[in-house]
Amino acid sequence: MQGEATYSDEVNHRARIWFFPNKFWAATKGMPKEEVNKLMEEVEKFAEEKNVEALRKYPFVFVGDPYTDQDQVA
């Protein structure tokens, strides 16, 4: 039997860290492999630390709910 989602579950869902591979590959196109690996390690480290401020600087990472219109968020 599956329980109902609580408000805190919904809040946590909306605070997820989203990674968009297609944007990552576009941003790293032409970079040396070593530099791409270093960048990925940095992003993974910030994600493990849940350092959302650091993650927001990357165009291929989104923190929050990417399916919500950000203009309508209070």
C-alpha atoms as a PDB file:
ATOM      1  CA  MET A   1       0.000   0.000   0.000  1.00  0.00           C
ATOM      2  CA  GLN A   2       1.395   3.373  -0.997  1.00  0.00           C
ATOM      3  CA  GLY A   3       1.154   6.287   1.427  1.00  0.00           C
ATOM      4  CA  GLU A   4       0.138   9.799   0.557  1.00  0.00           C
ATOM      5  CA  ALA A   5       2.794  12.414  -0.104  1.00  0.00           C
ATOM      6  CA  THR A   6       3.244  14.962   2.646  1.00  0.00           C
ATOM      7  CA  TYR A   7       3.813  18.672   2.261  1.00  0.00           C
ATOM      8  CA  SER A   8       7.517  18.247   3.123  1.00  0.00           C
ATOM      9  CA  ASP A   9       7.822  15.591   0.395  1.00  0.00           C
ATOM     10  CA  GLU A  10       6.379  18.088  -2.087  1.00  0.00           C
ATOM     11  CA  VAL A  11       8.767  20.827  -0.931  1.00  0.00           C
ATOM     12  CA  ASN A  12      11.740  18.460  -1.267  1.00  0.00           C
ATOM     13  CA  HIS A  13      10.570  17.492  -4.752  1.00  0.00           C
ATOM     14  CA  ARG A  14      10.532  21.153  -5.771  1.00  0.00           C
ATOM     15  CA  ALA A  15      14.058  21.711  -4.390  1.00  0.00           C
ATOM     16  CA  ARG A  16      15.630  19.013  -6.528  1.00  0.00           C
ATOM     17  CA  ILE A  17      18.792  19.565  -8.504  1.00  0.00           C
ATOM     18  CA  TRP A  18      18.218  18.945 -12.206  1.00  0.00           C
ATOM     19  CA  PHE A  19      21.039  18.166 -14.645  1.00  0.00           C
ATOM     20  CA  PHE A  20      20.448  18.588 -18.374  1.00  0.00           C
ATOM     21  CA  PRO A  21      22.984  16.500 -20.360  1.00  0.00           C
ATOM     22  CA  ASN A  22      22.198  18.146 -23.706  1.00  0.00           C
ATOM     23  CA  LYS A  23      23.001  21.583 -22.237  1.00  0.00           C
ATOM     24  CA  PHE A  24      26.153  20.160 -20.604  1.00  0.00           C
ATOM     25  CA  TRP A  25      27.447  18.780 -23.895  1.00  0.00           C
ATOM     26  CA  ALA A  26      26.634  22.040 -25.677  1.00  0.00           C
ATOM     27  CA  ALA A  27      28.485  24.029 -22.979  1.00  0.00           C
ATOM     28  CA  THR A  28      31.531  21.757 -23.108  1.00  0.00           C
ATOM     29  CA  LYS A  29      31.738  21.284 -26.870  1.00  0.00           C
ATOM     30  CA  GLY A  30      35.346  21.651 -27.944  1.00  0.00           C
ATOM     31  CA  MET A  31      36.744  21.497 -24.394  1.00  0.00           C
ATOM     32  CA  PRO A  32      39.592  19.088 -23.710  1.00  0.00           C
ATOM     33  CA  LYS A  33      38.424  15.837 -22.105  1.00  0.00           C
ATOM     34  CA  GLU A  34      40.366  16.546 -18.899  1.00  0.00           C
ATOM     35  CA  GLU A  35      38.653  19.924 -18.500  1.00  0.00           C
ATOM     36  CA  VAL A  36      35.209  18.385 -19.072  1.00  0.00           C
ATOM     37  CA  ASN A  37      35.935  15.720 -16.444  1.00  0.00           C
ATOM     38  CA  LYS A  38      37.119  18.369 -13.971  1.00  0.00           C
ATOM     39  CA  LEU A  39      33.959  20.416 -14.557  1.00  0.00           C
ATOM     40  CA  MET A  40      31.746  17.358 -14.036  1.00  0.00           C
ATOM     41  CA  GLU A  41      33.578  16.501 -10.795  1.00  0.00           C
ATOM     42  CA  GLU A  42      33.046  20.066  -9.579  1.00  0.00           C
ATOM     43  CA  VAL A  43      29.315  19.946 -10.361  1.00  0.00           C
ATOM     44  CA  GLU A  44      28.965  16.546  -8.675  1.00  0.00           C
ATOM     45  CA  LYS A  45      30.766  17.864  -5.572  1.00  0.00           C
ATOM     46  CA  PHE A  46      28.429  20.857  -5.327  1.00  0.00           C
ATOM     47  CA  ALA A  47      25.412  18.591  -5.821  1.00  0.00           C
ATOM     48  CA  GLU A  48      26.554  16.215  -3.058  1.00  0.00           C
ATOM     49  CA  GLU A  49      27.016  19.231  -0.759  1.00  0.00           C
ATOM     50  CA  LYS A  50      23.629  20.589  -1.886  1.00  0.00           C
ATOM     51  CA  ASN A  51      25.384  23.901  -2.591  1.00  0.00           C
ATOM     52  CA  VAL A  52      22.577  25.369  -4.683  1.00  0.00           C
ATOM     53  CA  GLU A  53      24.146  28.820  -4.921  1.00  0.00           C
ATOM     54  CA  ALA A  54      27.255  27.381  -6.586  1.00  0.00           C
ATOM     55  CA  LEU A  55      25.148  25.167  -8.879  1.00  0.00           C
ATOM     56  CA  ARG A  56      23.040  28.074 -10.127  1.00  0.00           C
ATOM     57  CA  LYS A  57      26.017  29.462 -12.082  1.00  0.00           C
ATOM     58  CA  TYR A  58      25.950  26.515 -14.492  1.00  0.00           C
ATOM     59  CA  PRO A  59      23.592  26.810 -17.483  1.00  0.00           C
ATOM     60  CA  PHE A  60      23.085  23.027 -17.542  1.00  0.00           C
ATOM     61  CA  VAL A  61      21.959  22.740 -13.896  1.00  0.00           C
ATOM     62  CA  PHE A  62      18.588  23.865 -12.576  1.00  0.00           C
ATOM     63  CA  VAL A  63      17.632  23.981  -8.906  1.00  0.00           C
ATOM     64  CA  GLY A  64      13.940  23.779  -8.184  1.00  0.00           C
ATOM     65  CA  ASP A  65      11.045  22.656 -10.341  1.00  0.00           C
ATOM     66  CA  PRO A  66      11.879  23.186 -14.029  1.00  0.00           C
ATOM     67  CA  TYR A  67       8.259  22.571 -14.955  1.00  0.00           C
ATOM     68  CA  THR A  68       6.956  25.566 -12.986  1.00  0.00           C
ATOM     69  CA  ASP A  69       6.762  28.906 -14.750  1.00  0.00           C
ATOM     70  CA  GLN A  70       9.303  30.944 -12.763  1.00  0.00           C
ATOM     71  CA  ASP A  71       7.485  34.212 -13.562  1.00  0.00           C
ATOM     72  CA  GLN A  72       4.460  32.981 -11.591  1.00  0.00           C
ATOM     73  CA  VAL A  73       6.385  31.865  -8.495  1.00  0.00           C
ATOM     74  CA  ALA A  74       5.713  34.143  -5.504  1.00  0.00           C
END
